[in-house]
Amino acid sequence: MKHKQLNIAISGLNNVDSPGPGIPVIRGIRESGNFTSRIIGLAYENLEPGAYMHEFVDKTYKVPYPSEGVDSLMQRIQYIHEREKIDVLIPNFDSEIFVFIKLADKLKQMGIHTFLPTLEQFEERHKSNLNTFGKTHGIKVPENISVTSLEEIEQLRQKDKIEFPVVVKGKFYDAYVAKNPEQAAMYFAKISAQWGLPVVIQEFIRGTEVNIVALGDGEGRTIGAVSMRKQYITDKGKAWGGITLDDPSMLEYARKLIHSTRWRGGMELELIRTADHALYLIEINPRLPAWVYLAVAAGQNLPAAMVQLAIGEKIEPFEFYEVGKMFIRYSFDMICDLSEFQNLSTLGEL
């Protein structure tokens, strides 16, 4: 039996070369047979393609960046809620998850449900805290050092605390392999200018990158998990193609980590499989990734399951998924009218 229609607000509509998860999440929700949905897009920029994809998004509202202040974002959400009666809100950017975790109780009082990690879970898995995270949960992680200046990088090199190549990472996004101090300085400047400080210098682990998308119920149970290997990677390190794997050890890895952390919500585990088959955790993204539709197509509709958890439904874990399922991204020229762009940029609604 279907539920009443749910009004679901979703961000992450920038479906470009470094895509947000918004449209893949929406596709999963649209294809669910458990409920019908009206999708309200939350756009930070006027040219986020998802805002103009009317087959996926019913109505779009501009929202202010969290960096502009929690109060202004909350006021905008209240405005949208008065008009749309939002049932569930799904933020899809790392940089906004923290704010919506802080607002979760206020949103719930308004009747808006979320299903996000706790503040402790969110903070614990930060790149700068990965060393401690690994020790706490008994998993292998590369050495991570947070730096706030180029001088610190040079001091670490002189003390033999780092050995090139290293991975230079932003606190929210971006990662580059630096083969020498000059490249490290260049990437430090680039990342700090865009994402601020600190910048993370991570030990480079040789091996094959593999990924897991998973959903935890907040009580230690894994609702679903699908493993994937990237087949094609862009210059930004984003998967432009990938394939589901038959690797029970990776799925057991995800289950143990979710049980240990009691993770609540979606997550992406970025791992390196070394030549001796060891798994090193290099990053945890605290939301569903942009490739989540591969999991949907393989038989685990994690976006729809997240909605059901958000509204308090008890659901059974997924047990299987189809191995050898591939995704291949492609570019597509979508034609829009200038009037739509004007409405979004001047009125803040489309």
C-alpha atoms as a PDB file:
ATOM      1  CA  MET A   1       0.000   0.000   0.000  1.00  0.00           C
ATOM      2  CA  LYS A   2       1.342   3.411  -0.918  1.00  0.00           C
ATOM      3  CA  HIS A   3       1.733   6.228   1.588  1.00  0.00           C
ATOM      4  CA  LYS A   4       0.240   9.621   1.074  1.00  0.00           C
ATOM      5  CA  GLN A   5       2.325  11.906  -1.075  1.00  0.00           C
ATOM      6  CA  LEU A   6       5.493  13.095   0.632  1.00  0.00           C
ATOM      7  CA  ASN A   7       6.956  16.529  -0.034  1.00  0.00           C
ATOM      8  CA  ILE A   8      10.727  16.008  -0.088  1.00  0.00           C
ATOM      9  CA  ALA A   9      13.249  18.875  -0.212  1.00  0.00           C
ATOM     10  CA  ILE A  10      16.605  17.942  -1.731  1.00  0.00           C
ATOM     11  CA  SER A  11      19.839  19.862  -2.343  1.00  0.00           C
ATOM     12  CA  GLY A  12      22.869  18.953  -4.459  1.00  0.00           C
ATOM     13  CA  LEU A  13      21.389  19.785  -7.864  1.00  0.00           C
ATOM     14  CA  ASN A  14      24.713  20.725  -9.512  1.00  0.00           C
ATOM     15  CA  ASN A  15      24.770  17.828 -11.980  1.00  0.00           C
ATOM     16  CA  VAL A  16      27.987  18.942 -13.728  1.00  0.00           C
ATOM     17  CA  ASP A  17      31.530  17.523 -14.126  1.00  0.00           C
ATOM     18  CA  SER A  18      31.824  17.221 -10.339  1.00  0.00           C
ATOM     19  CA  PRO A  19      28.191  16.262  -9.762  1.00  0.00           C
ATOM     20  CA  GLY A  20      26.213  16.578  -6.585  1.00  0.00           C
ATOM     21  CA  PRO A  21      24.170  13.603  -5.360  1.00  0.00           C
ATOM     22  CA  GLY A  22      20.823  15.420  -5.669  1.00  0.00           C
ATOM     23  CA  ILE A  23      19.593  14.107  -9.035  1.00  0.00           C
ATOM     24  CA  PRO A  24      20.691  10.476  -8.417  1.00  0.00           C
ATOM     25  CA  VAL A  25      18.959  10.590  -5.018  1.00  0.00           C
ATOM     26  CA  ILE A  26      15.819  11.985  -6.659  1.00  0.00           C
ATOM     27  CA  ARG A  27      15.874   9.258  -9.329  1.00  0.00           C
ATOM     28  CA  GLY A  28      15.888   6.602  -6.630  1.00  0.00           C
ATOM     29  CA  ILE A  29      13.024   8.264  -4.750  1.00  0.00           C
ATOM     30  CA  ARG A  30      10.994   8.722  -7.946  1.00  0.00           C
ATOM     31  CA  GLU A  31      11.335   5.020  -8.748  1.00  0.00           C
ATOM     32  CA  SER A  32      10.265   3.828  -5.319  1.00  0.00           C
ATOM     33  CA  GLY A  33       7.008   1.940  -5.191  1.00  0.00           C
ATOM     34  CA  ASN A  34       6.567   2.599  -1.480  1.00  0.00           C
ATOM     35  CA  PHE A  35       5.366   6.199  -1.711  1.00  0.00           C
ATOM     36  CA  THR A  36       4.658   9.009  -4.133  1.00  0.00           C
ATOM     37  CA  SER A  37       6.631  12.197  -3.843  1.00  0.00           C
ATOM     38  CA  ARG A  38       6.726  15.852  -4.758  1.00  0.00           C
ATOM     39  CA  ILE A  39      10.326  17.013  -5.063  1.00  0.00           C
ATOM     40  CA  ILE A  40      11.317  20.508  -3.928  1.00  0.00           C
ATOM     41  CA  GLY A  41      14.806  21.422  -5.103  1.00  0.00           C
ATOM     42  CA  LEU A  42      17.084  23.574  -2.944  1.00  0.00           C
ATOM     43  CA  ALA A  43      19.583  25.408  -5.168  1.00  0.00           C
ATOM     44  CA  TYR A  44      22.537  27.517  -4.081  1.00  0.00           C
ATOM     45  CA  GLU A  45      23.382  28.749  -7.593  1.00  0.00           C
ATOM     46  CA  ASN A  46      21.264  29.917 -10.532  1.00  0.00           C
ATOM     47  CA  LEU A  47      22.864  27.502 -12.974  1.00  0.00           C
ATOM     48  CA  GLU A  48      22.503  24.246 -11.066  1.00  0.00           C
ATOM     49  CA  PRO A  49      21.166  21.993 -13.849  1.00  0.00           C
ATOM     50  CA  GLY A  50      18.844  20.024 -11.582  1.00  0.00           C
ATOM     51  CA  ALA A  51      16.689  23.107 -11.073  1.00  0.00           C
ATOM     52  CA  TYR A  52      15.755  22.955 -14.760  1.00  0.00           C
ATOM     53  CA  MET A  53      15.177  19.187 -14.898  1.00  0.00           C
ATOM     54  CA  HIS A  54      11.417  19.369 -14.492  1.00  0.00           C
ATOM     55  CA  GLU A  55      10.939  15.627 -14.922  1.00  0.00           C
ATOM     56  CA  PHE A  56      12.805  15.216 -11.621  1.00  0.00           C
ATOM     57  CA  VAL A  57      12.220  18.452  -9.701  1.00  0.00           C
ATOM     58  CA  ASP A  58       8.702  19.877  -9.273  1.00  0.00           C
ATOM     59  CA  LYS A  59       9.672  23.238  -7.768  1.00  0.00           C
ATOM     60  CA  THR A  60      13.028  24.849  -6.993  1.00  0.00           C
ATOM     61  CA  TYR A  61      13.897  27.529  -4.437  1.00  0.00           C
ATOM     62  CA  LYS A  62      17.148  29.418  -4.097  1.00  0.00           C
ATOM     63  CA  VAL A  63      18.656  29.098  -0.621  1.00  0.00           C
ATOM     64  CA  PRO A  64      21.572  30.986   0.939  1.00  0.00           C
ATOM     65  CA  TYR A  65      24.878  29.242   1.532  1.00  0.00           C
ATOM     66  CA  PRO A  66      25.306  28.006   5.125  1.00  0.00           C
ATOM     67  CA  SER A  67      28.384  30.248   5.296  1.00  0.00           C
ATOM     68  CA  GLU A  68      26.044  33.248   5.070  1.00  0.00           C
ATOM     69  CA  GLY A  69      24.629  32.363   8.476  1.00  0.00           C
ATOM     70  CA  VAL A  70      22.431  29.719  10.007  1.00  0.00           C
ATOM     71  CA  ASP A  71      19.640  32.206  10.707  1.00  0.00           C
ATOM     72  CA  SER A  72      19.239  33.289   7.098  1.00  0.00           C
ATOM     73  CA  LEU A  73      19.179  29.663   5.928  1.00  0.00           C
ATOM     74  CA  MET A  74      16.615  28.767   8.569  1.00  0.00           C
ATOM     75  CA  GLN A  75      14.420  31.707   7.622  1.00  0.00           C
ATOM     76  CA  ARG A  76      14.487  30.598   4.000  1.00  0.00           C
ATOM     77  CA  ILE A  77      13.602  27.009   4.927  1.00  0.00           C
ATOM     78  CA  GLN A  78      10.681  28.333   7.009  1.00  0.00           C
ATOM     79  CA  TYR A  79       9.485  30.365   4.016  1.00  0.00           C
ATOM     80  CA  ILE A  80       9.641  27.311   1.749  1.00  0.00           C
ATOM     81  CA  HIS A  81       7.966  25.111   4.369  1.00  0.00           C
ATOM     82  CA  GLU A  82       5.033  27.518   4.685  1.00  0.00           C
ATOM     83  CA  ARG A  83       4.379  27.075   0.965  1.00  0.00           C
ATOM     84  CA  GLU A  84       5.346  23.454   0.416  1.00  0.00           C
ATOM     85  CA  LYS A  85       4.752  21.689   3.757  1.00  0.00           C
ATOM     86  CA  ILE A  86       8.046  19.788   3.602  1.00  0.00           C
ATOM     87  CA  ASP A  87       7.879  16.271   5.074  1.00  0.00           C
ATOM     88  CA  VAL A  88      11.521  15.222   4.577  1.00  0.00           C
ATOM     89  CA  LEU A  89      14.678  17.241   3.905  1.00  0.00           C
ATOM     90  CA  ILE A  90      17.788  15.573   2.430  1.00  0.00           C
ATOM     91  CA  PRO A  91      20.959  17.718   2.274  1.00  0.00           C
ATOM     92  CA  ASN A  92      23.585  16.292  -0.079  1.00  0.00           C
ATOM     93  CA  PHE A  93      26.686  18.472   0.300  1.00  0.00           C
ATOM     94  CA  ASP A  94      29.371  17.832   2.933  1.00  0.00           C
ATOM     95  CA  SER A  95      29.588  21.574   3.586  1.00  0.00           C
ATOM     96  CA  GLU A  96      25.903  21.824   4.577  1.00  0.00           C
ATOM     97  CA  ILE A  97      25.505  18.603   6.566  1.00  0.00           C
ATOM     98  CA  PHE A  98      26.933  20.179   9.742  1.00  0.00           C
ATOM     99  CA  VAL A  99      24.411  23.042   9.624  1.00  0.00           C
ATOM    100  CA  PHE A 100      21.424  20.767   9.078  1.00  0.00           C
ATOM    101  CA  ILE A 101      22.549  18.492  11.906  1.00  0.00           C
ATOM    102  CA  LYS A 102      22.492  21.559  14.163  1.00  0.00           C
ATOM    103  CA  LEU A 103      19.048  22.511  12.843  1.00  0.00           C
ATOM    104  CA  ALA A 104      17.567  18.995  12.959  1.00  0.00           C
ATOM    105  CA  ASP A 105      15.630  19.471  16.208  1.00  0.00           C
ATOM    106  CA  LYS A 106      14.129  22.790  15.068  1.00  0.00           C
ATOM    107  CA  LEU A 107      13.187  21.252  11.738  1.00  0.00           C
ATOM    108  CA  LYS A 108      11.522  18.309  13.455  1.00  0.00           C
ATOM    109  CA  GLN A 109       9.448  20.697  15.584  1.00  0.00           C
ATOM    110  CA  MET A 110       8.223  22.207  12.308  1.00  0.00           C
ATOM    111  CA  GLY A 111       7.296  18.755  10.989  1.00  0.00           C
ATOM    112  CA  ILE A 112      10.367  18.407   8.731  1.00  0.00           C
ATOM    113  CA  HIS A 113      12.128  15.070   9.143  1.00  0.00           C
ATOM    114  CA  THR A 114      15.811  14.421   8.422  1.00  0.00           C
ATOM    115  CA  PHE A 115      17.958  11.321   8.740  1.00  0.00           C
ATOM    116  CA  LEU A 116      21.480  12.532   9.403  1.00  0.00           C
ATOM    117  CA  PRO A 117      24.519  11.456  11.414  1.00  0.00           C
ATOM    118  CA  THR A 118      24.782  12.772  14.949  1.00  0.00           C
ATOM    119  CA  LEU A 119      27.126  15.693  15.555  1.00  0.00           C
ATOM    120  CA  GLU A 120      29.575  13.324  17.277  1.00  0.00           C
ATOM    121  CA  GLN A 121      29.578  10.951  14.305  1.00  0.00           C
ATOM    122  CA  PHE A 122      30.054  13.816  11.871  1.00  0.00           C
ATOM    123  CA  GLU A 123      32.975  15.297  13.791  1.00  0.00           C
ATOM    124  CA  GLU A 124      34.654  11.976  14.532  1.00  0.00           C
ATOM    125  CA  ARG A 125      35.052  11.013  10.865  1.00  0.00           C
ATOM    126  CA  HIS A 126      36.618  14.328   9.755  1.00  0.00           C
ATOM    127  CA  LYS A 127      39.747  13.958   7.631  1.00  0.00           C
ATOM    128  CA  SER A 128      41.755  15.746  10.310  1.00  0.00           C
ATOM    129  CA  ASN A 129      40.533  13.201  12.903  1.00  0.00           C
ATOM    130  CA  LEU A 130      41.069  10.092  10.786  1.00  0.00           C
ATOM    131  CA  ASN A 131      44.077   8.837  12.770  1.00  0.00           C
ATOM    132  CA  THR A 132      42.063   8.751  15.999  1.00  0.00           C
ATOM    133  CA  PHE A 133      39.034   7.341  14.175  1.00  0.00           C
ATOM    134  CA  GLY A 134      41.108   4.416  12.911  1.00  0.00           C
ATOM    135  CA  LYS A 135      42.418   3.577  16.386  1.00  0.00           C
ATOM    136  CA  THR A 136      38.964   3.860  17.965  1.00  0.00           C
ATOM    137  CA  HIS A 137      37.293   1.501  15.494  1.00  0.00           C
ATOM    138  CA  GLY A 138      40.213  -0.820  14.772  1.00  0.00           C
ATOM    139  CA  ILE A 139      40.703  -0.076  11.077  1.00  0.00           C
ATOM    140  CA  LYS A 140      43.713   0.800   8.934  1.00  0.00           C
ATOM    141  CA  VAL A 141      44.017   4.453   7.883  1.00  0.00           C
ATOM    142  CA  PRO A 142      46.843   6.420   6.252  1.00  0.00           C
ATOM    143  CA  GLU A 143      48.701   8.938   8.390  1.00  0.00           C
ATOM    144  CA  ASN A 144      46.917  12.318   8.329  1.00  0.00           C
ATOM    145  CA  ILE A 145      48.384  15.657   9.428  1.00  0.00           C
ATOM    146  CA  SER A 146      46.457  18.936   9.464  1.00  0.00           C
ATOM    147  CA  VAL A 147      48.435  22.024   8.451  1.00  0.00           C
ATOM    148  CA  THR A 148      47.608  25.709   8.306  1.00  0.00           C
ATOM    149  CA  SER A 149      50.658  27.049   6.458  1.00  0.00           C
ATOM    150  CA  LEU A 150      53.285  26.149   3.870  1.00  0.00           C
ATOM    151  CA  GLU A 151      55.933  26.465   6.563  1.00  0.00           C
ATOM    152  CA  GLU A 152      54.387  23.549   8.438  1.00  0.00           C
ATOM    153  CA  ILE A 153      54.637  21.346   5.349  1.00  0.00           C
ATOM    154  CA  GLU A 154      58.320  22.208   4.967  1.00  0.00           C
ATOM    155  CA  GLN A 155      58.970  21.531   8.659  1.00  0.00           C
ATOM    156  CA  LEU A 156      57.301  18.124   8.368  1.00  0.00           C
ATOM    157  CA  ARG A 157      59.458  17.308   5.345  1.00  0.00           C
ATOM    158  CA  GLN A 158      62.657  18.322   7.100  1.00  0.00           C
ATOM    159  CA  LYS A 159      61.762  16.179  10.108  1.00  0.00           C
ATOM    160  CA  ASP A 160      60.985  13.219   7.818  1.00  0.00           C
ATOM    161  CA  LYS A 161      57.383  13.228   9.063  1.00  0.00           C
ATOM    162  CA  ILE A 162      56.118  13.084   5.477  1.00  0.00           C
ATOM    163  CA  GLU A 163      57.445  11.325   2.412  1.00  0.00           C
ATOM    164  CA  PHE A 164      56.478  12.237  -1.128  1.00  0.00           C
ATOM    165  CA  PRO A 165      54.204  11.545  -2.862  1.00  0.00           C
ATOM    166  CA  VAL A 166      51.493  12.769  -0.470  1.00  0.00           C
ATOM    167  CA  VAL A 167      47.803  13.524  -0.920  1.00  0.00           C
ATOM    168  CA  VAL A 168      46.767  17.135  -0.274  1.00  0.00           C
ATOM    169  CA  LYS A 169      43.110  17.384   0.773  1.00  0.00           C
ATOM    170  CA  GLY A 170      40.592  20.121   1.520  1.00  0.00           C
ATOM    171  CA  LYS A 171      38.487  19.932   4.655  1.00  0.00           C
ATOM    172  CA  PHE A 172      35.315  19.499   2.561  1.00  0.00           C
ATOM    173  CA  TYR A 173      36.324  18.644  -0.995  1.00  0.00           C
ATOM    174  CA  ASP A 174      39.233  18.177  -3.405  1.00  0.00           C
ATOM    175  CA  ALA A 175      42.260  15.928  -3.218  1.00  0.00           C
ATOM    176  CA  TYR A 176      45.483  16.031  -5.235  1.00  0.00           C
ATOM    177  CA  VAL A 177      48.539  13.792  -5.289  1.00  0.00           C
ATOM    178  CA  ALA A 178      51.669  15.936  -4.819  1.00  0.00           C
ATOM    179  CA  LYS A 179      54.880  14.300  -6.026  1.00  0.00           C
ATOM    180  CA  ASN A 180      57.206  16.978  -4.627  1.00  0.00           C
ATOM    181  CA  PRO A 181      57.230  20.039  -2.308  1.00  0.00           C
ATOM    182  CA  GLU A 182      56.497  22.423  -5.193  1.00  0.00           C
ATOM    183  CA  GLN A 183      53.303  20.570  -6.099  1.00  0.00           C
ATOM    184  CA  ALA A 184      52.332  20.381  -2.434  1.00  0.00           C
ATOM    185  CA  ALA A 185      52.666  24.169  -2.158  1.00  0.00           C
ATOM    186  CA  MET A 186      50.592  24.702  -5.303  1.00  0.00           C
ATOM    187  CA  TYR A 187      47.787  22.411  -4.143  1.00  0.00           C
ATOM    188  CA  PHE A 188      47.862  23.875  -0.628  1.00  0.00           C
ATOM    189  CA  ALA A 189      47.306  27.358  -2.067  1.00  0.00           C
ATOM    190  CA  LYS A 190      44.541  26.167  -4.380  1.00  0.00           C
ATOM    191  CA  ILE A 191      42.625  24.190  -1.760  1.00  0.00           C
ATOM    192  CA  SER A 192      42.987  26.687   1.095  1.00  0.00           C
ATOM    193  CA  ALA A 193      41.775  29.523  -1.157  1.00  0.00           C
ATOM    194  CA  GLN A 194      38.598  27.598  -1.977  1.00  0.00           C
ATOM    195  CA  TRP A 195      37.821  25.631   1.173  1.00  0.00           C
ATOM    196  CA  GLY A 196      39.787  27.384   3.910  1.00  0.00           C
ATOM    197  CA  LEU A 197      42.009  25.891   6.596  1.00  0.00           C
ATOM    198  CA  PRO A 198      43.158  23.451   7.764  1.00  0.00           C
ATOM    199  CA  VAL A 199      44.451  21.507   4.790  1.00  0.00           C
ATOM    200  CA  VAL A 200      45.133  17.800   5.332  1.00  0.00           C
ATOM    201  CA  ILE A 201      48.387  16.142   4.248  1.00  0.00           C
ATOM    202  CA  GLN A 202      47.681  12.434   3.900  1.00  0.00           C
ATOM    203  CA  GLU A 203      50.088   9.523   3.469  1.00  0.00           C
ATOM    204  CA  PHE A 204      49.906   8.130  -0.063  1.00  0.00           C
ATOM    205  CA  ILE A 205      48.798   4.479  -0.044  1.00  0.00           C
ATOM    206  CA  ARG A 206      49.550   2.492  -3.185  1.00  0.00           C
ATOM    207  CA  GLY A 207      46.772   0.251  -4.396  1.00  0.00           C
ATOM    208  CA  THR A 208      43.375   0.170  -6.082  1.00  0.00           C
ATOM    209  CA  GLU A 209      40.683   2.641  -5.060  1.00  0.00           C
ATOM    210  CA  VAL A 210      37.350   1.040  -4.211  1.00  0.00           C
ATOM    211  CA  ASN A 211      34.206   2.572  -2.769  1.00  0.00           C
ATOM    212  CA  ILE A 212      31.206   1.550  -0.710  1.00  0.00           C
ATOM    213  CA  VAL A 213      27.858   3.307  -0.425  1.00  0.00           C
ATOM    214  CA  ALA A 214      25.963   2.328   2.711  1.00  0.00           C
ATOM    215  CA  LEU A 215      23.007   3.281   4.887  1.00  0.00           C
ATOM    216  CA  GLY A 216      22.965   2.839   8.666  1.00  0.00           C
ATOM    217  CA  ASP A 217      19.853   2.936  10.848  1.00  0.00           C
ATOM    218  CA  GLY A 218      21.531   4.702  13.791  1.00  0.00           C
ATOM    219  CA  GLU A 219      21.304   1.614  16.006  1.00  0.00           C
ATOM    220  CA  GLY A 220      24.247  -0.282  14.554  1.00  0.00           C
ATOM    221  CA  ARG A 221      22.387  -2.049  11.758  1.00  0.00           C
ATOM    222  CA  THR A 222      23.327  -1.793   8.081  1.00  0.00           C
ATOM    223  CA  ILE A 223      20.223  -1.283   5.934  1.00  0.00           C
ATOM    224  CA  GLY A 224      22.160  -1.601   2.711  1.00  0.00           C
ATOM    225  CA  ALA A 225      25.682  -1.559   1.274  1.00  0.00           C
ATOM    226  CA  VAL A 226      27.019  -1.787  -2.274  1.00  0.00           C
ATOM    227  CA  SER A 227      30.686  -1.909  -3.277  1.00  0.00           C
ATOM    228  CA  MET A 228      32.058  -0.392  -6.475  1.00  0.00           C
ATOM    229  CA  ARG A 229      35.314   0.085  -8.363  1.00  0.00           C
ATOM    230  CA  LYS A 230      35.818   3.182 -10.488  1.00  0.00           C
ATOM    231  CA  GLN A 231      36.296   2.374 -14.172  1.00  0.00           C
ATOM    232  CA  TYR A 232      36.916   5.912 -15.365  1.00  0.00           C
ATOM    233  CA  ILE A 233      38.103   8.860 -13.259  1.00  0.00           C
ATOM    234  CA  THR A 234      38.006  12.549 -14.203  1.00  0.00           C
ATOM    235  CA  ASP A 235      40.850  14.984 -13.565  1.00  0.00           C
ATOM    236  CA  LYS A 236      38.966  15.979 -10.391  1.00  0.00           C
ATOM    237  CA  GLY A 237      39.101  12.405  -9.165  1.00  0.00           C
ATOM    238  CA  LYS A 238      35.376  11.835  -9.701  1.00  0.00           C
ATOM    239  CA  ALA A 239      34.023   8.532 -10.952  1.00  0.00           C
ATOM    240  CA  TRP A 240      32.694   8.859 -14.510  1.00  0.00           C
ATOM    241  CA  GLY A 241      32.132   5.141 -14.722  1.00  0.00           C
ATOM    242  CA  GLY A 242      32.082   2.272 -12.252  1.00  0.00           C
ATOM    243  CA  ILE A 243      31.072  -1.338 -11.690  1.00  0.00           C
ATOM    244  CA  THR A 244      29.576  -3.197  -8.728  1.00  0.00           C
ATOM    245  CA  LEU A 245      31.882  -5.761  -7.138  1.00  0.00           C
ATOM    246  CA  ASP A 246      31.479  -9.215  -5.669  1.00  0.00           C
ATOM    247  CA  ASP A 247      33.620  -8.626  -2.580  1.00  0.00           C
ATOM    248  CA  PRO A 248      32.136  -9.961   0.678  1.00  0.00           C
ATOM    249  CA  SER A 249      35.099  -8.599   2.662  1.00  0.00           C
ATOM    250  CA  MET A 250      34.197  -5.027   1.693  1.00  0.00           C
ATOM    251  CA  LEU A 251      30.572  -5.481   2.717  1.00  0.00           C
ATOM    252  CA  GLU A 252      31.630  -7.018   6.024  1.00  0.00           C
ATOM    253  CA  TYR A 253      33.983  -4.046   6.492  1.00  0.00           C
ATOM    254  CA  ALA A 254      31.048  -1.643   6.062  1.00  0.00           C
ATOM    255  CA  ARG A 255      28.801  -3.612   8.415  1.00  0.00           C
ATOM    256  CA  LYS A 256      31.441  -3.712  11.152  1.00  0.00           C
ATOM    257  CA  LEU A 257      32.130   0.005  10.847  1.00  0.00           C
ATOM    258  CA  ILE A 258      28.434   0.906  10.941  1.00  0.00           C
ATOM    259  CA  HIS A 259      27.959  -1.369  13.946  1.00  0.00           C
ATOM    260  CA  SER A 260      30.959   0.174  15.729  1.00  0.00           C
ATOM    261  CA  THR A 261      29.986   3.790  15.007  1.00  0.00           C
ATOM    262  CA  ARG A 262      26.199   3.237  15.135  1.00  0.00           C
ATOM    263  CA  TRP A 263      26.133   5.367  12.001  1.00  0.00           C
ATOM    264  CA  ARG A 264      22.876   7.138  11.206  1.00  0.00           C
ATOM    265  CA  GLY A 265      22.187   7.996   7.561  1.00  0.00           C
ATOM    266  CA  GLY A 266      23.990   7.545   4.290  1.00  0.00           C
ATOM    267  CA  MET A 267      27.742   7.292   3.888  1.00  0.00           C
ATOM    268  CA  GLU A 268      30.385   6.720   1.272  1.00  0.00           C
ATOM    269  CA  LEU A 269      33.557   4.886   2.254  1.00  0.00           C
ATOM    270  CA  GLU A 270      36.586   5.638   0.091  1.00  0.00           C
ATOM    271  CA  LEU A 271      39.107   2.815   0.446  1.00  0.00           C
ATOM    272  CA  ILE A 272      42.421   1.664  -0.974  1.00  0.00           C
ATOM    273  CA  ARG A 273      42.938  -2.068  -1.524  1.00  0.00           C
ATOM    274  CA  THR A 274      46.672  -2.749  -1.318  1.00  0.00           C
ATOM    275  CA  ALA A 275      48.624  -5.522  -3.049  1.00  0.00           C
ATOM    276  CA  ASP A 276      48.403  -7.677   0.097  1.00  0.00           C
ATOM    277  CA  HIS A 277      44.572  -7.225   0.093  1.00  0.00           C
ATOM    278  CA  ALA A 278      44.492  -4.889   3.111  1.00  0.00           C
ATOM    279  CA  LEU A 279      41.831  -2.161   3.124  1.00  0.00           C
ATOM    280  CA  TYR A 280      42.822   1.374   4.132  1.00  0.00           C
ATOM    281  CA  LEU A 281      40.073   3.901   4.820  1.00  0.00           C
ATOM    282  CA  ILE A 282      41.059   7.206   3.251  1.00  0.00           C
ATOM    283  CA  GLU A 283      37.805   9.102   3.700  1.00  0.00           C
ATOM    284  CA  ILE A 284      34.204   8.899   4.947  1.00  0.00           C
ATOM    285  CA  ASN A 285      31.707  11.156   3.220  1.00  0.00           C
ATOM    286  CA  PRO A 286      28.705  11.663   5.546  1.00  0.00           C
ATOM    287  CA  ARG A 287      26.000  11.385   2.866  1.00  0.00           C
ATOM    288  CA  LEU A 288      24.995   9.357  -0.166  1.00  0.00           C
ATOM    289  CA  PRO A 289      27.445   9.825  -3.054  1.00  0.00           C
ATOM    290  CA  ALA A 290      26.747  11.031  -6.591  1.00  0.00           C
ATOM    291  CA  TRP A 291      27.051   7.437  -7.870  1.00  0.00           C
ATOM    292  CA  VAL A 292      24.279   6.173  -5.557  1.00  0.00           C
ATOM    293  CA  TYR A 293      21.979   5.464  -8.498  1.00  0.00           C
ATOM    294  CA  LEU A 294      24.257   2.517  -9.341  1.00  0.00           C
ATOM    295  CA  ALA A 295      23.143   0.974  -6.034  1.00  0.00           C
ATOM    296  CA  VAL A 296      19.499   1.639  -6.960  1.00  0.00           C
ATOM    297  CA  ALA A 297      19.935  -0.014 -10.359  1.00  0.00           C
ATOM    298  CA  ALA A 298      21.736  -2.963  -8.751  1.00  0.00           C
ATOM    299  CA  GLY A 299      18.782  -3.617  -6.443  1.00  0.00           C
ATOM    300  CA  GLN A 300      19.279  -1.479  -3.321  1.00  0.00           C
ATOM    301  CA  ASN A 301      17.213   1.707  -3.376  1.00  0.00           C
ATOM    302  CA  LEU A 302      19.065   3.453  -0.562  1.00  0.00           C
ATOM    303  CA  PRO A 303      17.582   6.954  -1.197  1.00  0.00           C
ATOM    304  CA  ALA A 304      14.035   5.621  -0.830  1.00  0.00           C
ATOM    305  CA  ALA A 305      15.040   3.608   2.243  1.00  0.00           C
ATOM    306  CA  MET A 306      16.485   6.765   3.805  1.00  0.00           C
ATOM    307  CA  VAL A 307      13.157   8.553   3.327  1.00  0.00           C
ATOM    308  CA  GLN A 308      11.333   5.679   5.023  1.00  0.00           C
ATOM    309  CA  LEU A 309      13.745   5.797   7.968  1.00  0.00           C
ATOM    310  CA  ALA A 310      13.320   9.575   8.199  1.00  0.00           C
ATOM    311  CA  ILE A 311       9.554   9.266   8.642  1.00  0.00           C
ATOM    312  CA  GLY A 312      10.005   6.593  11.298  1.00  0.00           C
ATOM    313  CA  GLU A 313       9.292   3.436   9.364  1.00  0.00           C
ATOM    314  CA  LYS A 314      10.969   0.159  10.250  1.00  0.00           C
ATOM    315  CA  ILE A 315      12.477  -1.479   7.193  1.00  0.00           C
ATOM    316  CA  GLU A 316      14.306  -4.711   6.597  1.00  0.00           C
ATOM    317  CA  PRO A 317      17.915  -4.606   5.366  1.00  0.00           C
ATOM    318  CA  PHE A 318      18.707  -5.311   1.742  1.00  0.00           C
ATOM    319  CA  GLU A 319      20.369  -8.709   1.370  1.00  0.00           C
ATOM    320  CA  PHE A 320      21.592  -8.772  -2.226  1.00  0.00           C
ATOM    321  CA  TYR A 321      22.570  -6.628  -5.173  1.00  0.00           C
ATOM    322  CA  GLU A 322      23.475  -7.368  -8.769  1.00  0.00           C
ATOM    323  CA  VAL A 323      27.200  -7.791  -9.366  1.00  0.00           C
ATOM    324  CA  GLY A 324      28.694  -6.513 -12.622  1.00  0.00           C
ATOM    325  CA  LYS A 325      26.235  -3.645 -12.965  1.00  0.00           C
ATOM    326  CA  MET A 326      27.943  -0.635 -14.537  1.00  0.00           C
ATOM    327  CA  PHE A 327      27.279   3.082 -14.712  1.00  0.00           C
ATOM    328  CA  ILE A 328      28.671   5.450 -17.330  1.00  0.00           C
ATOM    329  CA  ARG A 329      28.104   9.193 -17.018  1.00  0.00           C
ATOM    330  CA  TYR A 330      27.566  11.379 -20.051  1.00  0.00           C
ATOM    331  CA  SER A 331      27.152  15.060 -20.894  1.00  0.00           C
ATOM    332  CA  PHE A 332      23.834  16.303 -22.230  1.00  0.00           C
ATOM    333  CA  ASP A 333      22.884  19.732 -23.552  1.00  0.00           C
ATOM    334  CA  MET A 334      19.647  20.683 -21.822  1.00  0.00           C
ATOM    335  CA  ILE A 335      17.752  23.550 -23.451  1.00  0.00           C
ATOM    336  CA  CYS A 336      16.007  26.050 -21.169  1.00  0.00           C
ATOM    337  CA  ASP A 337      14.230  29.372 -21.600  1.00  0.00           C
ATOM    338  CA  LEU A 338      15.839  32.564 -20.370  1.00  0.00           C
ATOM    339  CA  SER A 339      12.617  33.306 -18.483  1.00  0.00           C
ATOM    340  CA  GLU A 340      13.268  30.320 -16.207  1.00  0.00           C
ATOM    341  CA  PHE A 341      16.766  31.531 -15.396  1.00  0.00           C
ATOM    342  CA  GLN A 342      15.381  35.005 -14.694  1.00  0.00           C
ATOM    343  CA  ASN A 343      12.724  33.638 -12.350  1.00  0.00           C
ATOM    344  CA  LEU A 344      15.279  31.686 -10.330  1.00  0.00           C
ATOM    345  CA  SER A 345      17.866  34.485 -10.233  1.00  0.00           C
ATOM    346  CA  THR A 346      15.472  37.362  -9.465  1.00  0.00           C
ATOM    347  CA  LEU A 347      12.512  35.748  -7.641  1.00  0.00           C
ATOM    348  CA  GLY A 348      14.470  32.875  -6.121  1.00  0.00           C
ATOM    349  CA  GLU A 349      11.875  30.344  -7.283  1.00  0.00           C
ATOM    350  CA  LEU A 350      11.287  28.164 -10.318  1.00  0.00           C
END
